Amino acid sequence: MSESRLGNAAELRRRLRGSKAVEFREWDRGHTRPAERAGFREEAKQARGPTPRSPDALDFRGELQQRLLDEISRNDLLGASDAEVARFVAEFVQRVLEEEEVPLNEAERRVLVEELSEETVGVGPLAKLLSDPAVTDILVNGPDLVFVERFGRLEQTDVRFRSQEHILRVIERIAARVGRRIDAASPMADLRLPDGSRVNATLPPVSPDGPTLSIRRFGRRRIRAGDLTRSASWSEVMERFLAQCVRYRRNILVCGGTGAGKSTLLAALAEFIPNGERIVTIEDTLELMLDQRNVIRLETRPPNSEGQGRITQRDLVVNSLRMRPDRVIVGEVRGGEALDMLQAMNTGHDGSLCTIHANSPRDALARLETLVLMAGMELPSRAIREQTAAALDLIVHVERSEDGRRRVTSIVEIVGLEGDTPLLQEIFHFKRRAFERGSVIGEFLPTGIVPRLASELRERDAEIPVAWFQP
C-alpha cells in the first residue's frame, strides 16, 4: 500500500474511531476489573476458537467494520457525503458476503448494511432506538446497559455496544457534527443530533465507570398545541386562553421539573405568536423549532481548549435586544440572564416566553429571585420582587405524573405584591380524583377567579368569555 494510502487510512481511523480512543484505553487499563482488561479482539478469538465465524456475532461485525474502513480509504471516500458512504457500504457488504460465501438472506443483509452504515457515519447500535417514535429518552450507562423511556416508564433494552471504546466513538461522532469537543480536559458536553434531539455525554474521570450518553428525543413530528389538547395535557379552554394571552403579548413563565415537558409546552405556546413578528430564541442547545419565518436562533458556546471564547445565555440575551426583536424566547433561565430578561420584559419587550426548573409557581418565583442574584448585582429582595411582579403576567406549571403523562396542572396570574410577598391567583388547575389501573384520573377545572388581564385583553378586541372561568 502506498504511503499516501497509509496516511489516509490512519486519518480515517482517527476520525471514525475517535481521537481520544488511545487516551481512553490508557485510562481503561487502570480502572477496569482484570477480567475486563482483555481487548475486544482477544476476547472474540478466545470465544471463537477454531470454529468458523458466525455472521450474527459481534466479532464478525467488528472485523467487517475494520475491512470497511480500509476500503473507504483506498477508494478516497474520506470527504464523501453520508449518502455516498451508505451506497458504498451496501456494495461492500454484498461483495464480501459473496466472496466468503456467508449464508445471509435478504433481510439479514439489509440489517447488516444498516448497522455498518450507522457505525461509519451515524450513532451505531442506537439507530433502531432513535427510529422508534415511542422512545423519548435513551440512556447509555455502559456497553450492556442501555435504557429507554417509553410512555413515561424506563425499561432496559437488548441493545449492546461492543466495548466502552465503541461508546466513545459514537460520542465523538456526535460531537464532531456540531463542532463541539469532548475529551479528558472537557469530559462533559451538551450536544444535539441532526433531528434536534438533545444529547449529554460524559467521559472519565467525571464518570469513573466509563463513558455515558443521555439522549432526550423530540420525535420526528413536532408536538403541537392541538396534540396537547387531544392527549389531555391541558383542556381546550386552557389552550384558547393561553393562545389569547400569547397573541396579545403577555409575558409567560413555564415551570416544572426535569422531563415534565417544559420545552414541548414552550414550543406549543410559541405557535400562537403572529407570523408578522420577529422572534429571537436563546438556548444552551438548540431545541425549539418554530413555524414563523422571521426567527433568529441563538445558541451558547462553551470555552475552547484554552478556556476562552465562551458565550453565555446572558451574553445572548443582551445581544438579542440589539436585534430589534418583537419577542424574546429563552429556552431555560438558569443564571444571571434572569435579570436581563426581567429588564427586557419591563422595557418594551412584551410577549416574551421562558422556562425555569421549579416544583410549583411560587417556587418558580423564589428560584427566579435566586437566579437574579447570580448576576452579581446586590439588589434588595423587594426590588427583585417588584421587577418580577411587573414583568411577568402568568406562570404555567407542568408536571409529569406517576403514570408517565405530562399535564399542565396550574395556570397562575401574578397580580402584584402584598408587602414583600408576590400575590398569585390560580385561574385553572388539574383536579386529581383517583389513581386506577396505573393511570391518574382527574379533570381540568377553572377556579372561578376571573383574571385581571382578561379586561385588559378585551379592550384590545381579544375574545375571552367570562364563561371560561366559571367552575
Protein backbone atom coordinates (compact mmCIF):
# COMPACT_ATOMS: atom_id res chain seq x y z
CA MET A 1 0.00 0.00 0.00
CA SER A 2 1.38 3.45 -0.88
CA GLU A 3 2.46 5.93 1.79
CA SER A 4 -0.45 8.28 0.92
CA ARG A 5 -2.97 5.49 1.29
CA LEU A 6 -1.50 4.51 4.65
CA GLY A 7 -1.83 8.13 5.72
CA ASN A 8 -5.42 8.24 4.56
CA ALA A 9 -6.25 5.05 6.46
CA ALA A 10 -4.70 6.45 9.64
CA GLU A 11 -6.63 9.70 9.21
CA LEU A 12 -9.89 7.81 8.71
CA ARG A 13 -9.38 5.70 11.80
CA ARG A 14 -8.70 8.80 13.86
CA ARG A 15 -11.86 10.41 12.52
CA LEU A 16 -14.22 7.46 12.90
CA ARG A 17 -12.77 5.77 15.95
CA GLY A 18 -12.33 8.98 17.90
CA SER A 19 -9.21 10.97 18.57
CA LYS A 20 -9.33 10.08 22.25
CA ALA A 21 -9.59 6.32 21.86
CA VAL A 22 -5.93 5.78 22.81
CA GLU A 23 -6.30 8.10 25.78
CA PHE A 24 -9.38 6.18 26.88
CA ARG A 25 -7.59 2.83 26.58
CA GLU A 26 -4.85 4.11 28.89
CA TRP A 27 -7.47 5.12 31.43
CA ASP A 28 -9.37 1.84 30.96
CA ARG A 29 -6.34 -0.29 31.80
CA GLY A 30 -6.06 1.35 35.21
CA HIS A 31 -9.72 1.43 36.15
CA THR A 32 -11.46 -1.67 34.87
CA ARG A 33 -11.51 -5.06 36.55
CA PRO A 34 -8.82 -7.59 35.47
CA ALA A 35 -11.42 -9.79 33.78
CA GLU A 36 -12.35 -6.91 31.51
CA ARG A 37 -8.82 -5.87 30.51
CA ALA A 38 -8.59 -8.13 27.52
CA GLY A 39 -9.28 -6.26 24.32
CA PHE A 40 -12.29 -6.97 22.19
CA ARG A 41 -10.40 -8.89 19.55
CA GLU A 42 -8.65 -11.16 22.09
CA GLU A 43 -11.98 -11.98 23.74
CA ALA A 44 -13.54 -12.67 20.36
CA LYS A 45 -10.73 -15.06 19.39
CA GLN A 46 -10.98 -16.97 22.67
CA ALA A 47 -14.72 -17.31 22.32
CA ARG A 48 -14.48 -18.30 18.64
CA GLY A 49 -11.66 -20.88 18.84
CA PRO A 50 -11.25 -22.95 15.70
CA THR A 51 -14.93 -22.78 14.73
CA PRO A 52 -16.00 -20.80 11.63
CA ARG A 53 -17.12 -17.19 12.00
CA SER A 54 -20.80 -16.59 12.74
CA PRO A 55 -22.42 -13.70 10.85
CA ASP A 56 -24.50 -12.89 13.92
CA ALA A 57 -21.55 -12.47 16.27
CA LEU A 58 -20.26 -9.08 17.37
CA ASP A 59 -16.70 -10.07 16.43
CA PHE A 60 -17.73 -10.66 12.81
CA ARG A 61 -19.27 -7.19 12.55
CA GLY A 62 -16.21 -5.69 14.22
CA GLU A 63 -13.82 -7.24 11.72
CA LEU A 64 -16.11 -6.34 8.85
CA GLN A 65 -16.08 -2.73 10.06
CA GLN A 66 -12.27 -2.78 10.06
CA ARG A 67 -12.18 -4.00 6.47
CA LEU A 68 -14.75 -1.38 5.51
CA LEU A 69 -12.55 1.42 6.88
CA ASP A 70 -9.64 0.23 4.74
CA GLU A 71 -11.88 0.03 1.65
CA ILE A 72 -13.17 3.56 2.18
CA SER A 73 -9.60 4.82 2.47
CA ARG A 74 -8.45 3.05 -0.70
CA ASN A 75 -11.40 4.49 -2.65
CA ASP A 76 -10.73 8.09 -1.48
CA LEU A 77 -14.12 8.46 0.22
CA LEU A 78 -12.82 10.38 3.23
CA GLY A 79 -14.74 13.50 2.28
CA ALA A 80 -17.77 11.78 0.76
CA SER A 81 -21.32 12.55 1.81
CA ASP A 82 -23.33 10.25 4.07
CA ALA A 83 -25.42 9.07 1.09
CA GLU A 84 -22.32 8.14 -0.93
CA VAL A 85 -20.83 6.26 2.00
CA ALA A 86 -24.13 4.39 2.53
CA ARG A 87 -24.16 3.27 -1.13
CA PHE A 88 -20.56 2.12 -0.87
CA VAL A 89 -21.33 0.17 2.31
CA ALA A 90 -24.19 -1.69 0.55
CA GLU A 91 -21.92 -2.67 -2.35
CA PHE A 92 -19.13 -3.65 0.05
CA VAL A 93 -21.37 -5.95 2.10
CA GLN A 94 -22.78 -7.68 -0.98
CA ARG A 95 -19.31 -8.29 -2.41
CA VAL A 96 -17.77 -9.56 0.84
CA LEU A 97 -20.63 -11.91 1.61
CA GLU A 98 -20.44 -13.38 -1.89
CA GLU A 99 -16.66 -13.79 -1.71
CA GLU A 100 -16.75 -15.54 1.67
CA GLU A 101 -20.00 -17.39 0.97
CA VAL A 102 -21.65 -16.23 4.18
CA PRO A 103 -25.24 -17.56 4.27
CA LEU A 104 -27.45 -14.50 4.89
CA ASN A 105 -30.89 -13.88 3.50
CA GLU A 106 -32.00 -10.54 2.06
CA ALA A 107 -33.44 -9.24 5.33
CA GLU A 108 -30.25 -10.12 7.26
CA ARG A 109 -28.10 -8.44 4.60
CA ARG A 110 -30.21 -5.29 4.81
CA VAL A 111 -29.82 -5.20 8.59
CA LEU A 112 -26.05 -5.66 8.28
CA VAL A 113 -25.82 -2.79 5.77
CA GLU A 114 -27.81 -0.50 8.06
CA GLU A 115 -25.64 -1.40 11.06
CA LEU A 116 -22.37 -0.80 9.23
CA SER A 117 -23.66 2.50 7.78
CA GLU A 118 -24.63 3.69 11.24
CA GLU A 119 -21.25 2.58 12.61
CA THR A 120 -19.48 4.59 9.91
CA VAL A 121 -21.44 7.86 9.83
CA GLY A 122 -24.21 7.57 12.44
CA VAL A 123 -24.99 6.60 16.03
CA GLY A 124 -24.19 2.91 15.83
CA PRO A 125 -26.48 0.49 17.69
CA LEU A 126 -28.70 3.35 18.90
CA ALA A 127 -30.13 3.84 15.41
CA LYS A 128 -33.06 1.47 15.90
CA LEU A 129 -33.99 3.18 19.16
CA LEU A 130 -33.94 6.60 17.50
CA SER A 131 -36.29 5.29 14.83
CA ASP A 132 -38.86 4.18 17.44
CA PRO A 133 -41.41 7.01 17.83
CA ALA A 134 -42.42 5.73 21.29
CA VAL A 135 -38.93 6.30 22.73
CA THR A 136 -38.49 9.70 24.41
CA ASP A 137 -35.20 9.13 26.28
CA ILE A 138 -32.19 6.92 25.55
CA LEU A 139 -29.77 6.36 28.44
CA VAL A 140 -26.46 4.54 27.90
CA ASN A 141 -24.79 3.57 31.20
CA GLY A 142 -22.37 1.04 29.71
CA PRO A 143 -21.88 -1.40 26.82
CA ASP A 144 -24.55 -3.79 28.16
CA LEU A 145 -26.71 -1.24 30.00
CA VAL A 146 -28.90 0.74 27.60
CA PHE A 147 -32.24 2.01 28.90
CA VAL A 148 -35.10 3.84 27.21
CA GLU A 149 -38.20 5.65 28.35
CA ARG A 150 -41.42 4.64 26.63
CA PHE A 151 -44.73 6.20 27.60
CA GLY A 152 -43.17 7.68 30.73
CA ARG A 153 -41.61 4.44 32.00
CA LEU A 154 -37.96 3.33 31.98
CA GLU A 155 -37.03 -0.11 30.67
CA GLN A 156 -33.81 -1.89 29.77
CA THR A 157 -33.24 -2.81 26.11
CA ASP A 158 -31.34 -5.58 24.36
CA VAL A 159 -29.12 -3.04 22.55
CA ARG A 160 -25.41 -3.69 23.10
CA PHE A 161 -22.15 -1.89 22.38
CA ARG A 162 -19.02 -3.93 21.70
CA SER A 163 -16.97 -2.08 24.32
CA GLN A 164 -16.64 1.20 26.15
CA GLU A 165 -14.42 2.44 23.32
CA HIS A 166 -17.35 1.78 21.00
CA ILE A 167 -19.49 4.16 23.09
CA LEU A 168 -16.68 6.70 23.00
CA ARG A 169 -16.53 6.64 19.19
CA VAL A 170 -20.27 7.29 18.93
CA ILE A 171 -19.98 10.22 21.36
CA GLU A 172 -17.13 11.78 19.40
CA ARG A 173 -19.00 11.44 16.10
CA ILE A 174 -21.99 13.26 17.59
CA ALA A 175 -19.73 15.98 19.00
CA ALA A 176 -17.88 16.43 15.70
CA ARG A 177 -21.13 17.02 13.81
CA VAL A 178 -21.97 20.09 15.92
CA GLY A 179 -18.42 21.39 16.21
CA ARG A 180 -18.03 20.58 19.90
CA ARG A 181 -15.17 18.85 21.68
CA ILE A 182 -15.20 16.27 24.45
CA ASP A 183 -12.02 14.83 25.99
CA ALA A 184 -10.25 14.41 29.33
CA ALA A 185 -9.83 18.17 29.63
CA SER A 186 -13.54 18.77 28.91
CA PRO A 187 -15.21 15.48 29.88
CA MET A 188 -18.79 16.77 29.73
CA ALA A 189 -20.68 18.15 26.75
CA ASP A 190 -24.19 19.18 25.73
CA LEU A 191 -24.74 18.21 22.10
CA ARG A 192 -27.58 17.63 19.66
CA LEU A 193 -28.46 15.25 16.87
CA PRO A 194 -29.47 16.36 13.34
CA ASP A 195 -33.16 15.87 14.24
CA GLY A 196 -32.83 18.30 17.17
CA SER A 197 -32.67 15.68 19.93
CA ARG A 198 -30.72 16.88 22.96
CA VAL A 199 -27.60 14.91 23.97
CA ASN A 200 -25.49 14.93 27.12
CA ALA A 201 -22.25 12.95 27.25
CA THR A 202 -19.66 12.35 29.97
CA LEU A 203 -16.23 10.73 29.95
CA PRO A 204 -13.81 9.64 32.67
CA PRO A 205 -12.77 10.95 35.10
CA VAL A 206 -16.16 12.53 35.85
CA SER A 207 -17.88 9.19 35.11
CA PRO A 208 -15.34 6.70 36.55
CA ASP A 209 -17.14 3.61 35.23
CA GLY A 210 -16.78 4.73 31.60
CA PRO A 211 -18.47 6.95 29.01
CA THR A 212 -22.19 7.70 29.39
CA LEU A 213 -24.71 9.06 26.91
CA SER A 214 -28.15 10.56 27.55
CA ILE A 215 -30.40 11.48 24.63
CA ARG A 216 -33.67 13.42 25.04
CA ARG A 217 -35.66 12.87 21.87
CA PHE A 218 -38.27 15.23 20.48
CA GLY A 219 -39.72 12.89 17.90
CA ARG A 220 -39.83 13.11 14.15
CA ARG A 221 -43.05 15.12 14.32
CA ARG A 222 -43.33 18.20 16.48
CA ILE A 223 -45.95 18.08 19.22
CA ARG A 224 -48.34 20.96 18.63
CA ALA A 225 -50.89 22.72 20.79
CA GLY A 226 -53.73 20.67 19.28
CA ASP A 227 -51.86 17.46 20.10
CA LEU A 228 -51.63 18.54 23.75
CA THR A 229 -55.39 19.06 23.84
CA ARG A 230 -56.13 15.69 22.23
CA SER A 231 -53.77 13.91 24.62
CA ALA A 232 -55.41 15.64 27.63
CA SER A 233 -52.25 17.52 28.60
CA TRP A 234 -54.48 20.58 29.04
CA SER A 235 -58.11 21.43 28.31
CA GLU A 236 -59.43 23.16 25.22
CA VAL A 237 -60.38 26.21 27.29
CA MET A 238 -56.86 26.42 28.75
CA GLU A 239 -55.42 26.24 25.24
CA ARG A 240 -57.68 29.01 23.95
CA PHE A 241 -57.00 31.23 26.98
CA LEU A 242 -53.22 30.88 26.66
CA ALA A 243 -53.47 31.44 22.90
CA GLN A 244 -55.09 34.82 23.51
CA CYS A 245 -52.50 35.71 26.15
CA VAL A 246 -49.61 34.92 23.78
CA ARG A 247 -51.22 36.62 20.80
CA TYR A 248 -51.79 39.81 22.80
CA ARG A 249 -48.26 39.91 24.19
CA ARG A 250 -48.50 38.73 27.79
CA ASN A 251 -45.22 37.60 29.42
CA ILE A 252 -45.40 33.93 30.42
CA LEU A 253 -43.08 31.79 32.53
CA VAL A 254 -43.32 27.99 32.13
CA CYS A 255 -42.11 25.99 35.14
CA GLY A 256 -41.82 22.31 36.02
CA GLY A 257 -39.40 19.56 36.93
CA THR A 258 -36.93 17.67 34.76
CA GLY A 259 -38.69 15.81 31.95
CA ALA A 260 -42.03 17.45 32.71
CA GLY A 261 -42.44 18.79 29.17
CA LYS A 262 -41.45 22.44 29.59
CA SER A 263 -39.75 22.72 26.18
CA THR A 264 -42.65 20.99 24.44
CA LEU A 265 -45.14 23.36 26.08
CA LEU A 266 -42.96 26.37 25.25
CA ALA A 267 -42.92 25.41 21.57
CA ALA A 268 -46.70 24.89 21.63
CA LEU A 269 -47.25 28.36 23.11
CA ALA A 270 -44.94 29.90 20.51
CA GLU A 271 -47.32 28.67 17.79
CA PHE A 272 -49.71 31.47 18.75
CA ILE A 273 -47.21 34.27 18.00
CA PRO A 274 -48.40 36.12 14.86
CA ASN A 275 -46.34 35.49 11.71
CA GLY A 276 -45.52 39.16 11.20
CA GLU A 277 -43.38 39.42 14.34
CA ARG A 278 -39.61 38.99 14.67
CA ILE A 279 -38.63 36.28 17.16
CA VAL A 280 -35.23 35.67 18.77
CA THR A 281 -34.74 32.36 20.59
CA ILE A 282 -31.90 31.79 23.05
CA GLU A 283 -30.89 28.29 24.16
CA ASP A 284 -27.98 26.33 25.58
CA THR A 285 -28.62 23.62 22.97
CA LEU A 286 -30.92 24.36 20.04
CA GLU A 287 -34.26 22.59 20.53
CA LEU A 288 -37.10 24.91 19.57
CA MET A 289 -38.50 24.56 16.07
CA LEU A 290 -40.92 27.36 15.21
CA ASP A 291 -43.24 27.81 12.25
CA GLN A 292 -42.77 31.55 11.83
CA ARG A 293 -40.48 32.78 9.06
CA ASN A 294 -38.79 35.69 10.87
CA VAL A 295 -36.94 33.67 13.52
CA ILE A 296 -33.34 34.11 14.71
CA ARG A 297 -31.93 31.20 16.74
CA LEU A 298 -29.01 31.86 19.10
CA GLU A 299 -27.01 29.18 20.92
CA THR A 300 -24.44 29.38 23.70
CA ARG A 301 -20.87 28.29 23.13
CA PRO A 302 -18.55 26.57 25.63
CA PRO A 303 -14.95 27.74 26.08
CA ASN A 304 -12.27 26.39 23.77
CA SER A 305 -9.25 24.31 24.81
CA GLU A 306 -7.56 27.46 26.10
CA GLY A 307 -10.54 28.41 28.25
CA GLN A 308 -11.55 31.31 26.02
CA GLY A 309 -14.40 32.14 23.68
CA ARG A 310 -17.27 31.19 25.98
CA ILE A 311 -20.63 32.77 25.13
CA THR A 312 -23.28 32.55 27.85
CA GLN A 313 -27.03 32.92 27.73
CA ARG A 314 -26.67 36.28 29.43
CA ASP A 315 -24.42 37.48 26.60
CA LEU A 316 -27.03 36.33 24.08
CA VAL A 317 -29.94 37.98 25.93
CA VAL A 318 -28.08 41.30 25.98
CA ASN A 319 -27.16 40.94 22.31
CA SER A 320 -30.69 39.93 21.29
CA LEU A 321 -32.05 43.27 22.50
CA ARG A 322 -29.96 44.95 19.75
CA MET A 323 -31.53 42.76 17.06
CA ARG A 324 -34.90 44.54 17.00
CA PRO A 325 -36.89 41.60 18.42
CA ASP A 326 -40.65 41.66 18.86
CA ARG A 327 -40.40 38.57 21.05
CA VAL A 328 -37.55 37.06 23.03
CA ILE A 329 -37.82 33.36 23.94
CA VAL A 330 -35.32 31.90 26.41
CA GLY A 331 -35.29 28.10 26.37
CA GLU A 332 -34.41 27.86 30.05
CA VAL A 333 -33.43 30.57 32.54
CA ARG A 334 -30.66 29.17 34.71
CA GLY A 335 -28.31 32.02 35.61
CA GLY A 336 -27.69 35.75 35.63
CA GLU A 337 -29.61 36.19 32.37
CA ALA A 338 -32.74 36.20 34.57
CA LEU A 339 -32.06 39.85 35.47
CA ASP A 340 -31.63 40.94 31.85
CA MET A 341 -34.75 39.00 30.85
CA LEU A 342 -36.86 40.74 33.50
CA GLN A 343 -35.49 44.13 32.50
CA ALA A 344 -36.29 43.41 28.85
CA MET A 345 -39.88 42.49 29.76
CA ASN A 346 -40.17 45.74 31.71
CA THR A 347 -38.77 47.92 28.94
CA GLY A 348 -40.99 47.23 25.95
CA HIS A 349 -40.31 43.59 25.01
CA ASP A 350 -43.75 42.29 25.93
CA GLY A 351 -44.90 38.83 24.93
CA SER A 352 -41.67 37.11 25.94
CA LEU A 353 -41.62 33.44 26.93
CA CYS A 354 -39.18 31.41 29.01
CA THR A 355 -38.94 28.30 31.19
CA ILE A 356 -37.45 27.55 34.60
CA HIS A 357 -36.98 24.46 36.75
CA ALA A 358 -39.32 24.61 39.75
CA ASN A 359 -41.78 22.41 41.63
CA SER A 360 -44.60 24.97 41.81
CA PRO A 361 -45.44 28.50 40.61
CA ARG A 362 -44.41 30.04 43.93
CA ASP A 363 -41.16 28.06 43.93
CA ALA A 364 -40.54 29.41 40.42
CA LEU A 365 -40.64 32.98 41.73
CA ALA A 366 -38.28 32.12 44.59
CA ARG A 367 -35.84 30.44 42.21
CA LEU A 368 -36.07 33.35 39.76
CA GLU A 369 -35.07 35.69 42.59
CA THR A 370 -32.05 33.49 43.33
CA LEU A 371 -31.02 33.50 39.67
CA VAL A 372 -31.23 37.29 39.52
CA LEU A 373 -28.77 37.46 42.42
CA MET A 374 -26.38 35.29 40.36
CA ALA A 375 -25.98 38.25 38.00
CA GLY A 376 -23.67 39.79 40.62
CA MET A 377 -25.90 42.77 41.35
CA GLU A 378 -26.52 43.25 45.07
CA LEU A 379 -30.19 44.14 44.73
CA PRO A 380 -32.56 44.03 47.70
CA SER A 381 -35.17 41.28 47.64
CA ARG A 382 -38.04 43.75 47.42
CA ALA A 383 -36.57 45.39 44.31
CA ILE A 384 -36.22 42.00 42.62
CA ARG A 385 -39.78 41.03 43.54
CA GLU A 386 -41.13 44.33 42.25
CA GLN A 387 -39.34 43.76 38.96
CA THR A 388 -40.70 40.22 38.77
CA ALA A 389 -44.28 41.19 39.58
CA ALA A 390 -44.18 43.97 37.00
CA ALA A 391 -42.58 41.81 34.29
CA LEU A 392 -44.49 38.53 34.47
CA ASP A 393 -48.19 38.10 33.81
CA LEU A 394 -48.70 34.33 34.01
CA ILE A 395 -46.95 31.24 35.33
CA VAL A 396 -47.86 27.90 33.73
CA HIS A 397 -46.85 24.84 35.74
CA VAL A 398 -46.45 21.45 34.05
CA GLU A 399 -45.89 18.10 35.76
CA ARG A 400 -45.20 14.51 34.84
CA SER A 401 -47.40 12.23 36.94
CA GLU A 402 -46.57 8.74 38.13
CA ASP A 403 -48.46 7.30 35.15
CA GLY A 404 -45.94 8.99 32.83
CA ARG A 405 -48.44 11.54 31.49
CA ARG A 406 -47.45 15.20 31.26
CA ARG A 407 -50.13 17.71 32.21
CA VAL A 408 -50.50 21.43 32.80
CA THR A 409 -51.54 21.33 36.45
CA SER A 410 -51.84 25.05 37.16
CA ILE A 411 -52.13 28.42 35.42
CA VAL A 412 -51.47 31.30 37.81
CA GLU A 413 -51.70 35.07 37.40
CA ILE A 414 -49.30 37.43 39.17
CA VAL A 415 -51.33 40.38 40.42
CA GLY A 416 -48.76 42.39 42.40
CA LEU A 417 -47.14 42.49 45.82
CA GLU A 418 -48.59 42.49 49.33
CA GLY A 419 -45.76 43.76 51.45
CA ASP A 420 -42.80 41.76 50.19
CA THR A 421 -44.84 38.74 49.09
CA PRO A 422 -45.92 38.27 45.45
CA LEU A 423 -49.68 37.82 45.11
CA LEU A 424 -50.73 34.86 42.97
CA GLN A 425 -54.22 33.82 41.95
CA GLU A 426 -54.86 30.47 40.32
CA ILE A 427 -57.08 30.56 37.23
CA PHE A 428 -57.07 26.89 36.12
CA HIS A 429 -55.88 23.73 37.82
CA PHE A 430 -55.90 19.95 37.40
CA LYS A 431 -58.11 18.27 39.98
CA ARG A 432 -56.92 14.77 40.72
CA ARG A 433 -59.69 12.29 41.54
CA ALA A 434 -58.08 8.86 41.79
CA PHE A 435 -55.29 6.54 40.64
CA GLU A 436 -56.69 3.45 38.92
CA ARG A 437 -55.01 0.73 36.86
CA GLY A 438 -51.80 2.69 36.59
CA SER A 439 -53.45 5.92 35.43
CA VAL A 440 -54.18 9.20 37.15
CA ILE A 441 -57.87 10.10 36.92
CA GLY A 442 -58.83 13.78 37.10
CA GLU A 443 -60.06 16.82 35.20
CA PHE A 444 -59.05 20.37 34.34
CA LEU A 445 -61.17 22.94 36.11
CA PRO A 446 -61.37 26.73 36.37
CA THR A 447 -61.14 28.09 39.90
CA GLY A 448 -63.89 30.66 39.41
CA ILE A 449 -61.45 33.60 39.51
CA VAL A 450 -61.58 35.91 36.50
CA PRO A 451 -58.02 37.11 35.79
CA ARG A 452 -57.33 40.82 35.88
CA LEU A 453 -55.65 40.69 32.49
CA ALA A 454 -58.94 39.49 30.91
CA SER A 455 -60.42 43.01 30.92
CA GLU A 456 -57.18 44.46 29.51
CA LEU A 457 -57.18 41.98 26.66
CA ARG A 458 -60.87 42.56 25.87
CA GLU A 459 -60.08 46.24 25.38
CA ARG A 460 -57.72 45.09 22.63
CA ASP A 461 -60.50 43.01 20.99
CA ALA A 462 -59.38 39.67 22.43
CA GLU A 463 -62.12 37.06 22.74
CA ILE A 464 -62.12 35.97 26.37
CA PRO A 465 -65.62 34.94 27.53
CA VAL A 466 -66.31 35.05 31.27
CA ALA A 467 -67.77 31.54 30.93
CA TRP A 468 -64.24 30.17 30.57
CA PHE A 469 -63.58 30.89 34.24
CA GLN A 470 -66.84 29.62 35.73
CA PRO A 471 -66.48 26.31 37.60
